[in-house]
Amino acid sequence: GPLDPIYHYHSNFDSFAWMTKYGDPTFEYHVTAAKVWSLLAASLIEKPVVPFNASDYASSLERYLDSVKHMANSSGMAFRDKEEKDVSMFADLDLAIEHLQRAAHSFDAHAADLAVQATAAEGKPNTAATNRLFAEIRAVNTQYKVLERAFLFPKGLDGRSWFKHVVFAPGKWTGYAGDTYPGLVEAIQAGDKKALYRWAGIIEGIVWRAAGVLS
């Protein structure tokens, strides 16, 4: 509205003075946000199996690749057959993602089963069986924790070696706004088909490695 204060997003004027006068004078929103984060932390601590989901991650990789395919086709860098289907360029990466999806579904189901067993074991005395159960849970939690790290490429992006993740990075020309599969996107933007094939191969190998983390 005409009398609303300017929202100083990422500005030097986004200050304590602005917040106390306009943004959240009673700090009610700050307190609410702190409560939400506290409850989330408590939930993570209290659940034996970390409530992560590898299947969602694996499904997202397919969706992100579909976006890259569309970009490649629009730029004329991808080959299509008579039925207007993508061929060759991303075929091996598609297979790797499909394998990761199967591994992720199986792993998440295993984790869910362990969570049910952990609930059933609550309050019961420690036995060799319960010790084995919680050892399995610890292994699953560790695998969830390190899954994200599997997508790091030590050499980093072309020209921006400090960005190591092959799935997510700030866009090269968009500031902090993100790109998915930045190596592929930047190759398409540069019209560099050689780099596009190279990055497709790099990402394929990394996806296979990520699937191994869940095995």
Protein backbone atom coordinates (compact mmCIF):
# COMPACT_ATOMS: atom_id res chain seq x y z
CA GLY A 1 0.00 0.00 0.00
CA PRO A 2 1.00 3.65 -0.31
CA LEU A 3 1.88 3.94 3.39
CA ASP A 4 3.75 0.64 3.67
CA PRO A 5 7.49 0.83 4.38
CA ILE A 6 9.90 -0.13 1.63
CA TYR A 7 11.06 -3.72 1.97
CA HIS A 8 14.84 -3.29 2.10
CA TYR A 9 15.73 -6.68 0.68
CA HIS A 10 19.50 -7.28 0.77
CA SER A 11 20.14 -3.62 1.47
CA ASN A 12 22.26 -1.64 3.92
CA PHE A 13 18.96 -0.16 5.09
CA ASP A 14 17.72 -3.60 6.15
CA SER A 15 18.81 -2.74 9.68
CA PHE A 16 17.85 -3.17 13.30
CA ALA A 17 16.38 0.35 13.26
CA TRP A 18 14.20 -0.49 10.25
CA MET A 19 13.10 -3.74 11.86
CA THR A 20 12.13 -2.14 15.19
CA LYS A 21 10.21 0.67 13.46
CA TYR A 22 8.62 -1.09 10.49
CA GLY A 23 9.42 -4.74 9.89
CA ASP A 24 8.67 -6.48 13.18
CA PRO A 25 8.55 -3.93 16.03
CA THR A 26 7.43 -6.48 18.64
CA PHE A 27 9.68 -9.19 17.18
CA GLU A 28 6.72 -11.58 17.15
CA TYR A 29 7.72 -12.96 13.76
CA HIS A 30 11.27 -13.49 14.97
CA VAL A 31 10.04 -15.42 18.00
CA THR A 32 7.72 -17.52 15.84
CA ALA A 33 10.52 -18.36 13.43
CA ALA A 34 12.75 -19.34 16.36
CA LYS A 35 10.00 -21.64 17.68
CA VAL A 36 9.60 -23.31 14.28
CA TRP A 37 13.33 -23.96 13.97
CA SER A 38 13.47 -25.22 17.57
CA LEU A 39 10.64 -27.67 16.97
CA LEU A 40 12.32 -28.85 13.78
CA ALA A 41 15.59 -29.41 15.64
CA ALA A 42 13.76 -31.29 18.40
CA SER A 43 12.03 -33.46 15.82
CA LEU A 44 15.32 -34.32 14.15
CA ILE A 45 16.93 -35.17 17.48
CA GLU A 46 14.08 -37.31 18.79
CA LYS A 47 13.55 -39.49 15.70
CA PRO A 48 15.95 -42.45 15.56
CA VAL A 49 15.93 -42.43 11.73
CA VAL A 50 16.69 -39.04 10.20
CA PRO A 51 13.53 -37.98 8.29
CA PHE A 52 15.27 -37.47 4.96
CA ASN A 53 14.00 -38.77 1.62
CA ALA A 54 16.40 -39.92 -1.07
CA SER A 55 13.56 -40.72 -3.48
CA ASP A 56 12.50 -37.08 -3.71
CA TYR A 57 16.09 -36.10 -4.48
CA ALA A 58 16.41 -38.74 -7.19
CA SER A 59 13.08 -37.75 -8.76
CA SER A 60 14.17 -34.11 -8.80
CA LEU A 61 17.29 -35.03 -10.75
CA GLU A 62 15.09 -36.34 -13.57
CA ARG A 63 12.96 -33.20 -13.54
CA TYR A 64 16.03 -30.96 -13.61
CA LEU A 65 17.43 -32.92 -16.54
CA ASP A 66 14.17 -32.53 -18.46
CA SER A 67 14.64 -28.77 -18.14
CA VAL A 68 18.20 -29.04 -19.48
CA LYS A 69 17.00 -31.18 -22.39
CA HIS A 70 14.45 -28.55 -23.29
CA MET A 71 17.16 -25.89 -23.18
CA ALA A 72 19.47 -28.00 -25.34
CA ASN A 73 16.73 -28.69 -27.87
CA SER A 74 15.76 -25.02 -28.01
CA SER A 75 19.37 -24.10 -28.68
CA GLY A 76 19.72 -26.70 -31.43
CA MET A 77 22.47 -28.55 -29.54
CA ALA A 78 20.56 -31.80 -28.93
CA PHE A 79 19.66 -34.42 -31.51
CA ARG A 80 16.07 -35.64 -31.78
CA ASP A 81 14.69 -38.61 -33.65
CA LYS A 82 11.67 -38.69 -35.97
CA GLU A 83 9.31 -39.05 -33.00
CA GLU A 84 10.78 -35.91 -31.43
CA LYS A 85 12.41 -37.85 -28.60
CA ASP A 86 15.77 -36.98 -27.08
CA VAL A 87 18.48 -39.40 -28.17
CA SER A 88 22.12 -40.20 -27.39
CA MET A 89 23.34 -37.04 -25.67
CA PHE A 90 21.75 -37.73 -22.28
CA ALA A 91 20.90 -41.41 -22.67
CA ASP A 92 23.58 -42.68 -20.28
CA LEU A 93 22.74 -40.02 -17.72
CA ASP A 94 19.07 -41.01 -17.95
CA LEU A 95 20.02 -44.61 -17.15
CA ALA A 96 22.14 -43.53 -14.19
CA ILE A 97 19.28 -41.44 -12.77
CA GLU A 98 16.85 -44.34 -13.22
CA HIS A 99 19.25 -46.58 -11.30
CA LEU A 100 19.56 -43.99 -8.53
CA GLN A 101 15.77 -43.74 -8.32
CA ARG A 102 15.43 -47.49 -7.83
CA ALA A 103 18.20 -47.49 -5.22
CA ALA A 104 16.61 -44.52 -3.44
CA HIS A 105 13.15 -46.11 -3.30
CA SER A 106 14.62 -49.30 -1.88
CA PHE A 107 16.74 -47.39 0.62
CA ASP A 108 13.86 -45.21 1.82
CA ALA A 109 11.69 -48.30 2.29
CA HIS A 110 14.46 -49.89 4.36
CA ALA A 111 14.77 -46.73 6.45
CA ALA A 112 11.01 -46.63 7.02
CA ASP A 113 11.06 -50.24 8.17
CA LEU A 114 13.85 -49.49 10.62
CA ALA A 115 11.86 -46.54 11.98
CA VAL A 116 8.90 -48.85 12.67
CA GLN A 117 11.18 -51.33 14.39
CA ALA A 118 12.72 -48.56 16.49
CA THR A 119 9.28 -47.45 17.66
CA ALA A 120 8.42 -51.00 18.63
CA ALA A 121 11.70 -51.30 20.56
CA GLU A 122 11.09 -48.19 22.68
CA GLY A 123 11.19 -48.90 26.40
CA LYS A 124 12.44 -52.43 25.96
CA PRO A 125 15.74 -53.59 27.52
CA ASN A 126 18.85 -53.65 25.39
CA THR A 127 19.49 -56.96 23.73
CA ALA A 128 21.76 -58.15 20.97
CA ALA A 129 18.83 -57.67 18.56
CA THR A 130 18.16 -54.07 19.60
CA ASN A 131 21.86 -53.27 19.45
CA ARG A 132 21.96 -54.60 15.88
CA LEU A 133 18.85 -52.57 15.05
CA PHE A 134 20.35 -49.30 16.24
CA ALA A 135 23.63 -50.08 14.52
CA GLU A 136 21.66 -50.42 11.27
CA ILE A 137 19.85 -47.15 11.98
CA ARG A 138 23.14 -45.38 12.56
CA ALA A 139 24.44 -46.70 9.24
CA VAL A 140 21.29 -45.50 7.44
CA ASN A 141 21.54 -42.04 9.02
CA THR A 142 25.17 -41.82 7.92
CA GLN A 143 24.23 -42.77 4.36
CA TYR A 144 21.54 -40.09 4.29
CA LYS A 145 24.08 -37.58 5.63
CA VAL A 146 26.75 -38.30 3.03
CA LEU A 147 24.42 -38.62 0.02
CA GLU A 148 24.64 -34.91 -0.78
CA ARG A 149 28.44 -35.07 -0.68
CA ALA A 150 28.44 -37.66 -3.45
CA PHE A 151 27.46 -34.92 -5.91
CA LEU A 152 30.67 -32.95 -5.41
CA PHE A 153 33.16 -32.75 -8.28
CA PRO A 154 36.65 -31.94 -6.93
CA LYS A 155 37.73 -29.90 -9.96
CA GLY A 156 34.64 -27.71 -9.78
CA LEU A 157 32.82 -25.93 -12.57
CA ASP A 158 34.62 -24.63 -15.64
CA GLY A 159 36.02 -21.21 -14.79
CA ARG A 160 34.51 -21.36 -11.29
CA SER A 161 36.38 -24.16 -9.57
CA TRP A 162 35.19 -23.05 -6.14
CA PHE A 163 31.71 -24.36 -6.95
CA LYS A 164 32.00 -28.15 -6.58
CA HIS A 165 28.38 -29.36 -6.69
CA VAL A 166 27.26 -30.72 -10.07
CA VAL A 167 23.52 -30.30 -9.40
CA PHE A 168 23.27 -26.88 -7.74
CA ALA A 169 25.26 -23.66 -8.10
CA PRO A 170 24.59 -19.94 -8.43
CA GLY A 171 23.95 -19.01 -12.04
CA LYS A 172 26.96 -17.67 -13.88
CA TRP A 173 25.10 -14.53 -14.99
CA THR A 174 22.29 -14.36 -12.43
CA GLY A 175 24.10 -13.52 -9.19
CA TYR A 176 22.97 -15.80 -6.42
CA ALA A 177 19.94 -17.17 -8.32
CA GLY A 178 20.60 -20.86 -8.80
CA ASP A 179 21.05 -23.14 -11.80
CA THR A 180 20.46 -26.87 -11.76
CA TYR A 181 23.13 -28.92 -13.53
CA PRO A 182 25.23 -25.75 -13.92
CA GLY A 183 27.92 -27.51 -15.97
CA LEU A 184 25.36 -28.51 -18.57
CA VAL A 185 23.57 -25.17 -18.52
CA GLU A 186 26.76 -23.17 -18.96
CA ALA A 187 27.89 -25.42 -21.82
CA ILE A 188 24.57 -24.83 -23.59
CA GLN A 189 24.76 -21.10 -22.99
CA ALA A 190 28.27 -21.06 -24.48
CA GLY A 191 27.22 -23.20 -27.45
CA ASP A 192 29.98 -25.68 -26.51
CA LYS A 193 28.76 -29.15 -27.45
CA LYS A 194 32.08 -30.75 -26.46
CA ALA A 195 31.72 -29.35 -22.94
CA LEU A 196 28.09 -30.48 -22.89
CA TYR A 197 29.06 -34.08 -23.60
CA ARG A 198 31.91 -33.88 -21.09
CA TRP A 199 29.67 -32.61 -18.31
CA ALA A 200 27.00 -35.19 -19.13
CA GLY A 201 29.68 -37.87 -18.62
CA ILE A 202 30.94 -36.28 -15.40
CA ILE A 203 27.45 -36.07 -13.93
CA GLU A 204 26.60 -39.60 -15.04
CA GLY A 205 29.57 -41.00 -13.10
CA ILE A 206 28.67 -38.96 -10.04
CA VAL A 207 25.05 -40.15 -10.12
CA TRP A 208 26.27 -43.75 -10.24
CA ARG A 209 28.49 -42.99 -7.25
CA ALA A 210 25.51 -41.51 -5.39
CA ALA A 211 23.52 -44.67 -6.08
CA GLY A 212 26.40 -46.62 -4.52
CA VAL A 213 26.10 -44.56 -1.35
CA LEU A 214 22.60 -45.99 -0.91
CA SER A 215 23.58 -49.60 -1.55
